Amino acid sequence: MLLKDIQFLDDATRPAIPKLDGVTEAQKAPGEHLKQIHNHLRENMVVLGRLIERASEGKASAEEIRSETADLVMVSNYRRFGTLCGQYCQFVHGHHSIEDYAIFPGIAAQGPAFKAIADRLQAEHVVVHQLLERLIDALIKLADAPGASNFEDAVTVFRALEKVLLSHLHYEEESIGDALGYFDIGV
């Protein structure tokens, strides 16, 4: 029941990545910048993994978990823009994450293949967000009541988030990395 209500997306159903001919090294630079940003999110996953371990050993209070996760970019960005607003409210509210606001619309404008990729990346953001919120809840529950069951729940959610997020970041880098410079879309 822990993750049954989350609609995981099958990686095999991701849109194909269009080939871009003649991409220069300069055009690859924005994709490399995106990868550097993603590497920061990957580092956040390491911090969360350590929090799970500390909480399972009774070495992190619920308040410490709230405090330490509040400063993580991956948590603060999602919460700053509202629960799921970063995904679909960009056309209504005007408050968006950089990807949803500036990058994906530019990518989507490059044709049907890139629109399919942008739409898929936004759909994946929904799943990542749901898992992130579920993980924070599981970590707080674990800190409040350390024990095998709560630890198992936290690890289950963490591993699901880790798998989904790392796969998402890689797909995003591969699918739009070169396109950012090729189509002159800023990061």
C-alpha atoms as a PDB file:
ATOM      1  CA  MET A   1       0.000   0.000   0.000  1.00  0.00           C
ATOM      2  CA  LEU A   2       2.972   2.296   0.588  1.00  0.00           C
ATOM      3  CA  LEU A   3       3.503   3.112  -3.110  1.00  0.00           C
ATOM      4  CA  LYS A   4       0.443   1.574  -4.779  1.00  0.00           C
ATOM      5  CA  ASP A   5      -1.271   4.926  -5.307  1.00  0.00           C
ATOM      6  CA  ILE A   6       1.672   6.385  -7.231  1.00  0.00           C
ATOM      7  CA  GLN A   7       1.438   5.950 -10.978  1.00  0.00           C
ATOM      8  CA  PHE A   8       4.914   4.941 -12.018  1.00  0.00           C
ATOM      9  CA  LEU A   9       5.718   5.589 -15.665  1.00  0.00           C
ATOM     10  CA  ASP A  10       7.331   2.843 -17.714  1.00  0.00           C
ATOM     11  CA  ASP A  11      10.744   3.972 -18.935  1.00  0.00           C
ATOM     12  CA  ALA A  12      10.195   1.898 -22.086  1.00  0.00           C
ATOM     13  CA  THR A  13       7.342   4.234 -23.069  1.00  0.00           C
ATOM     14  CA  ARG A  14       9.534   7.323 -23.170  1.00  0.00           C
ATOM     15  CA  PRO A  15       9.470   9.168 -26.481  1.00  0.00           C
ATOM     16  CA  ALA A  16      12.383   8.503 -28.810  1.00  0.00           C
ATOM     17  CA  ILE A  17      15.138  11.091 -28.875  1.00  0.00           C
ATOM     18  CA  PRO A  18      15.442  12.832 -32.252  1.00  0.00           C
ATOM     19  CA  LYS A  19      18.923  12.885 -33.766  1.00  0.00           C
ATOM     20  CA  LEU A  20      20.419  16.332 -34.148  1.00  0.00           C
ATOM     21  CA  ASP A  21      23.042  16.563 -36.878  1.00  0.00           C
ATOM     22  CA  GLY A  22      26.106  18.761 -36.592  1.00  0.00           C
ATOM     23  CA  VAL A  23      25.885  19.651 -32.896  1.00  0.00           C
ATOM     24  CA  THR A  24      28.972  21.704 -32.028  1.00  0.00           C
ATOM     25  CA  GLU A  25      30.908  21.628 -28.779  1.00  0.00           C
ATOM     26  CA  ALA A  26      29.565  25.103 -27.983  1.00  0.00           C
ATOM     27  CA  GLN A  27      26.022  23.831 -28.508  1.00  0.00           C
ATOM     28  CA  LYS A  28      26.694  20.961 -26.100  1.00  0.00           C
ATOM     29  CA  ALA A  29      27.628  23.404 -23.300  1.00  0.00           C
ATOM     30  CA  PRO A  30      24.049  24.107 -22.079  1.00  0.00           C
ATOM     31  CA  GLY A  31      23.448  20.360 -21.781  1.00  0.00           C
ATOM     32  CA  GLU A  32      26.609  20.046 -19.708  1.00  0.00           C
ATOM     33  CA  HIS A  33      25.367  22.882 -17.510  1.00  0.00           C
ATOM     34  CA  LEU A  34      22.073  21.025 -17.048  1.00  0.00           C
ATOM     35  CA  LYS A  35      24.035  17.935 -16.052  1.00  0.00           C
ATOM     36  CA  GLN A  36      25.934  19.956 -13.431  1.00  0.00           C
ATOM     37  CA  ILE A  37      22.625  21.128 -11.981  1.00  0.00           C
ATOM     38  CA  HIS A  38      21.365  17.548 -11.964  1.00  0.00           C
ATOM     39  CA  ASN A  39      24.539  16.426 -10.223  1.00  0.00           C
ATOM     40  CA  HIS A  40      23.534  18.681  -7.343  1.00  0.00           C
ATOM     41  CA  LEU A  41      20.219  16.811  -7.159  1.00  0.00           C
ATOM     42  CA  ARG A  42      22.104  13.529  -7.219  1.00  0.00           C
ATOM     43  CA  GLU A  43      24.137  14.788  -4.256  1.00  0.00           C
ATOM     44  CA  ASN A  44      20.849  15.580  -2.479  1.00  0.00           C
ATOM     45  CA  MET A  45      19.919  11.911  -2.835  1.00  0.00           C
ATOM     46  CA  VAL A  46      23.108  10.965  -0.997  1.00  0.00           C
ATOM     47  CA  VAL A  47      22.126  13.331   1.857  1.00  0.00           C
ATOM     48  CA  LEU A  48      18.651  11.788   2.025  1.00  0.00           C
ATOM     49  CA  GLY A  49      20.141   8.298   2.121  1.00  0.00           C
ATOM     50  CA  ARG A  50      22.309   9.317   5.067  1.00  0.00           C
ATOM     51  CA  LEU A  51      19.270  10.782   6.839  1.00  0.00           C
ATOM     52  CA  ILE A  52      17.485   7.448   6.516  1.00  0.00           C
ATOM     53  CA  GLU A  53      20.403   5.699   8.153  1.00  0.00           C
ATOM     54  CA  ARG A  54      20.645   8.263  10.978  1.00  0.00           C
ATOM     55  CA  ALA A  55      16.919   8.203  11.622  1.00  0.00           C
ATOM     56  CA  SER A  56      16.837   4.396  11.659  1.00  0.00           C
ATOM     57  CA  GLU A  57      19.506   4.443  14.357  1.00  0.00           C
ATOM     58  CA  GLY A  58      17.613   7.047  16.394  1.00  0.00           C
ATOM     59  CA  LYS A  59      20.323   9.634  15.682  1.00  0.00           C
ATOM     60  CA  ALA A  60      18.112  12.200  13.905  1.00  0.00           C
ATOM     61  CA  SER A  61      14.995  13.797  15.348  1.00  0.00           C
ATOM     62  CA  ALA A  62      11.933  14.687  13.284  1.00  0.00           C
ATOM     63  CA  GLU A  63      12.881  18.355  13.601  1.00  0.00           C
ATOM     64  CA  GLU A  64      16.419  17.667  12.346  1.00  0.00           C
ATOM     65  CA  ILE A  65      14.998  15.851   9.330  1.00  0.00           C
ATOM     66  CA  ARG A  66      12.601  18.713   8.586  1.00  0.00           C
ATOM     67  CA  SER A  67      15.441  21.212   8.945  1.00  0.00           C
ATOM     68  CA  GLU A  68      17.980  19.296   6.873  1.00  0.00           C
ATOM     69  CA  THR A  69      15.556  18.447   4.069  1.00  0.00           C
ATOM     70  CA  ALA A  70      14.136  21.984   3.907  1.00  0.00           C
ATOM     71  CA  ASP A  71      17.475  23.226   2.603  1.00  0.00           C
ATOM     72  CA  LEU A  72      17.803  20.610  -0.109  1.00  0.00           C
ATOM     73  CA  VAL A  73      17.271  22.157  -3.524  1.00  0.00           C
ATOM     74  CA  MET A  74      15.116  19.263  -4.672  1.00  0.00           C
ATOM     75  CA  VAL A  75      12.703  19.780  -1.782  1.00  0.00           C
ATOM     76  CA  SER A  76      12.642  23.560  -1.619  1.00  0.00           C
ATOM     77  CA  ASN A  77      12.066  24.004  -5.358  1.00  0.00           C
ATOM     78  CA  TYR A  78       9.083  21.659  -5.405  1.00  0.00           C
ATOM     79  CA  ARG A  79       7.549  23.195  -2.291  1.00  0.00           C
ATOM     80  CA  ARG A  80       8.209  26.782  -3.405  1.00  0.00           C
ATOM     81  CA  PHE A  81       5.988  26.346  -6.445  1.00  0.00           C
ATOM     82  CA  GLY A  82       3.202  24.446  -4.705  1.00  0.00           C
ATOM     83  CA  THR A  83       2.464  20.789  -4.719  1.00  0.00           C
ATOM     84  CA  LEU A  84       2.116  20.087  -8.419  1.00  0.00           C
ATOM     85  CA  CYS A  85       1.931  23.628  -9.744  1.00  0.00           C
ATOM     86  CA  GLY A  86       5.352  23.404 -11.297  1.00  0.00           C
ATOM     87  CA  GLN A  87       3.968  20.833 -13.712  1.00  0.00           C
ATOM     88  CA  TYR A  88       0.778  22.251 -15.150  1.00  0.00           C
ATOM     89  CA  CYS A  89       0.229  25.716 -13.710  1.00  0.00           C
ATOM     90  CA  GLN A  90       2.947  27.438 -15.709  1.00  0.00           C
ATOM     91  CA  PHE A  91       0.381  28.776 -18.168  1.00  0.00           C
ATOM     92  CA  VAL A  92      -1.934  30.000 -15.393  1.00  0.00           C
ATOM     93  CA  HIS A  93       0.111  31.198 -12.427  1.00  0.00           C
ATOM     94  CA  GLY A  94       3.414  32.396 -13.891  1.00  0.00           C
ATOM     95  CA  HIS A  95       5.484  30.810 -11.109  1.00  0.00           C
ATOM     96  CA  HIS A  96       7.522  27.929 -12.353  1.00  0.00           C
ATOM     97  CA  SER A  97      10.709  26.116 -11.982  1.00  0.00           C
ATOM     98  CA  ILE A  98      13.348  26.916 -14.564  1.00  0.00           C
ATOM     99  CA  GLU A  99      12.696  23.731 -16.511  1.00  0.00           C
ATOM    100  CA  ASP A 100       8.950  23.997 -16.609  1.00  0.00           C
ATOM    101  CA  TYR A 101       8.962  27.713 -17.297  1.00  0.00           C
ATOM    102  CA  ALA A 102      11.913  28.360 -19.576  1.00  0.00           C
ATOM    103  CA  ILE A 103      13.258  25.108 -20.935  1.00  0.00           C
ATOM    104  CA  PHE A 104      10.386  22.742 -21.669  1.00  0.00           C
ATOM    105  CA  PRO A 105       8.270  25.243 -23.609  1.00  0.00           C
ATOM    106  CA  GLY A 106      11.279  26.037 -25.772  1.00  0.00           C
ATOM    107  CA  ILE A 107      11.949  22.357 -26.316  1.00  0.00           C
ATOM    108  CA  ALA A 108       8.293  21.617 -27.058  1.00  0.00           C
ATOM    109  CA  ALA A 109       8.251  24.363 -29.688  1.00  0.00           C
ATOM    110  CA  GLN A 110      10.811  22.465 -31.764  1.00  0.00           C
ATOM    111  CA  GLY A 111       8.284  20.006 -33.159  1.00  0.00           C
ATOM    112  CA  PRO A 112       6.124  17.033 -32.231  1.00  0.00           C
ATOM    113  CA  ALA A 113       9.005  14.770 -31.179  1.00  0.00           C
ATOM    114  CA  PHE A 114      10.386  17.348 -28.769  1.00  0.00           C
ATOM    115  CA  LYS A 115       6.903  18.237 -27.524  1.00  0.00           C
ATOM    116  CA  ALA A 116       6.377  14.576 -26.649  1.00  0.00           C
ATOM    117  CA  ILE A 117       9.658  14.620 -24.731  1.00  0.00           C
ATOM    118  CA  ALA A 118       8.760  17.826 -22.854  1.00  0.00           C
ATOM    119  CA  ASP A 119       5.333  16.435 -21.970  1.00  0.00           C
ATOM    120  CA  ARG A 120       6.870  13.204 -20.733  1.00  0.00           C
ATOM    121  CA  LEU A 121       9.461  15.032 -18.642  1.00  0.00           C
ATOM    122  CA  GLN A 122       6.707  17.082 -17.016  1.00  0.00           C
ATOM    123  CA  ALA A 123       4.723  13.904 -16.285  1.00  0.00           C
ATOM    124  CA  GLU A 124       7.814  12.402 -14.698  1.00  0.00           C
ATOM    125  CA  HIS A 125       8.127  15.503 -12.500  1.00  0.00           C
ATOM    126  CA  VAL A 126       4.732  14.620 -11.007  1.00  0.00           C
ATOM    127  CA  VAL A 127       5.942  11.152 -10.003  1.00  0.00           C
ATOM    128  CA  VAL A 128       9.230  12.504  -8.634  1.00  0.00           C
ATOM    129  CA  HIS A 129       7.327  15.068  -6.573  1.00  0.00           C
ATOM    130  CA  GLN A 130       4.937  12.457  -5.165  1.00  0.00           C
ATOM    131  CA  LEU A 131       7.826  10.228  -4.166  1.00  0.00           C
ATOM    132  CA  LEU A 132       9.759  13.112  -2.657  1.00  0.00           C
ATOM    133  CA  GLU A 133       6.827  14.136  -0.471  1.00  0.00           C
ATOM    134  CA  ARG A 134       6.241  10.498   0.494  1.00  0.00           C
ATOM    135  CA  LEU A 135       9.901  10.135   1.446  1.00  0.00           C
ATOM    136  CA  ILE A 136       9.899  13.206   3.678  1.00  0.00           C
ATOM    137  CA  ASP A 137       6.799  11.832   5.443  1.00  0.00           C
ATOM    138  CA  ALA A 138       8.442   8.413   5.843  1.00  0.00           C
ATOM    139  CA  LEU A 139      11.622   9.965   7.244  1.00  0.00           C
ATOM    140  CA  ILE A 140       9.677  11.998   9.780  1.00  0.00           C
ATOM    141  CA  LYS A 141       7.671   8.921  10.800  1.00  0.00           C
ATOM    142  CA  LEU A 142      10.906   6.961  11.159  1.00  0.00           C
ATOM    143  CA  ALA A 143      12.482   9.684  13.291  1.00  0.00           C
ATOM    144  CA  ASP A 144       9.388   9.836  15.512  1.00  0.00           C
ATOM    145  CA  ALA A 145       9.217   6.061  15.932  1.00  0.00           C
ATOM    146  CA  PRO A 146      12.448   4.284  14.992  1.00  0.00           C
ATOM    147  CA  GLY A 147      11.838   0.664  14.203  1.00  0.00           C
ATOM    148  CA  ALA A 148      12.122  -2.021  11.560  1.00  0.00           C
ATOM    149  CA  SER A 149       8.767  -1.328   9.894  1.00  0.00           C
ATOM    150  CA  ASN A 150       9.266   2.426   9.598  1.00  0.00           C
ATOM    151  CA  PHE A 151      12.837   1.926   8.435  1.00  0.00           C
ATOM    152  CA  GLU A 152      11.647  -0.524   5.778  1.00  0.00           C
ATOM    153  CA  ASP A 153       9.051   2.008   4.591  1.00  0.00           C
ATOM    154  CA  ALA A 154      11.630   4.802   4.374  1.00  0.00           C
ATOM    155  CA  VAL A 155      14.061   2.608   2.479  1.00  0.00           C
ATOM    156  CA  THR A 156      11.319   1.429   0.098  1.00  0.00           C
ATOM    157  CA  VAL A 157      10.286   4.982  -0.760  1.00  0.00           C
ATOM    158  CA  PHE A 158      13.887   6.188  -0.954  1.00  0.00           C
ATOM    159  CA  ARG A 159      14.875   3.404  -3.349  1.00  0.00           C
ATOM    160  CA  ALA A 160      11.815   4.114  -5.522  1.00  0.00           C
ATOM    161  CA  LEU A 161      12.638   7.830  -5.597  1.00  0.00           C
ATOM    162  CA  GLU A 162      16.287   7.121  -6.278  1.00  0.00           C
ATOM    163  CA  LYS A 163      15.448   4.825  -9.195  1.00  0.00           C
ATOM    164  CA  VAL A 164      12.866   7.178 -10.714  1.00  0.00           C
ATOM    165  CA  LEU A 165      14.871  10.360 -10.201  1.00  0.00           C
ATOM    166  CA  LEU A 166      18.187   9.040 -11.477  1.00  0.00           C
ATOM    167  CA  SER A 167      16.495   7.539 -14.522  1.00  0.00           C
ATOM    168  CA  HIS A 168      14.595  10.788 -15.118  1.00  0.00           C
ATOM    169  CA  LEU A 169      17.717  12.936 -14.846  1.00  0.00           C
ATOM    170  CA  HIS A 170      19.600  10.716 -17.277  1.00  0.00           C
ATOM    171  CA  TYR A 171      16.731  10.699 -19.791  1.00  0.00           C
ATOM    172  CA  GLU A 172      16.351  14.448 -19.516  1.00  0.00           C
ATOM    173  CA  GLU A 173      20.057  15.009 -20.125  1.00  0.00           C
ATOM    174  CA  GLU A 174      20.078  12.641 -23.093  1.00  0.00           C
ATOM    175  CA  SER A 175      16.812  13.843 -24.623  1.00  0.00           C
ATOM    176  CA  ILE A 176      17.225  17.609 -24.356  1.00  0.00           C
ATOM    177  CA  GLY A 177      20.881  18.220 -23.458  1.00  0.00           C
ATOM    178  CA  ASP A 178      22.162  18.807 -26.992  1.00  0.00           C
ATOM    179  CA  ALA A 179      18.854  20.352 -28.069  1.00  0.00           C
ATOM    180  CA  LEU A 180      19.290  23.183 -25.571  1.00  0.00           C
ATOM    181  CA  GLY A 181      22.301  24.575 -27.414  1.00  0.00           C
ATOM    182  CA  TYR A 182      21.209  23.460 -30.859  1.00  0.00           C
ATOM    183  CA  PHE A 183      17.972  25.447 -30.574  1.00  0.00           C
ATOM    184  CA  ASP A 184      19.550  28.180 -28.404  1.00  0.00           C
ATOM    185  CA  ILE A 185      17.347  27.511 -25.370  1.00  0.00           C
ATOM    186  CA  GLY A 186      18.942  28.916 -22.203  1.00  0.00           C
ATOM    187  CA  VAL A 187      19.469  26.931 -19.038  1.00  0.00           C
END
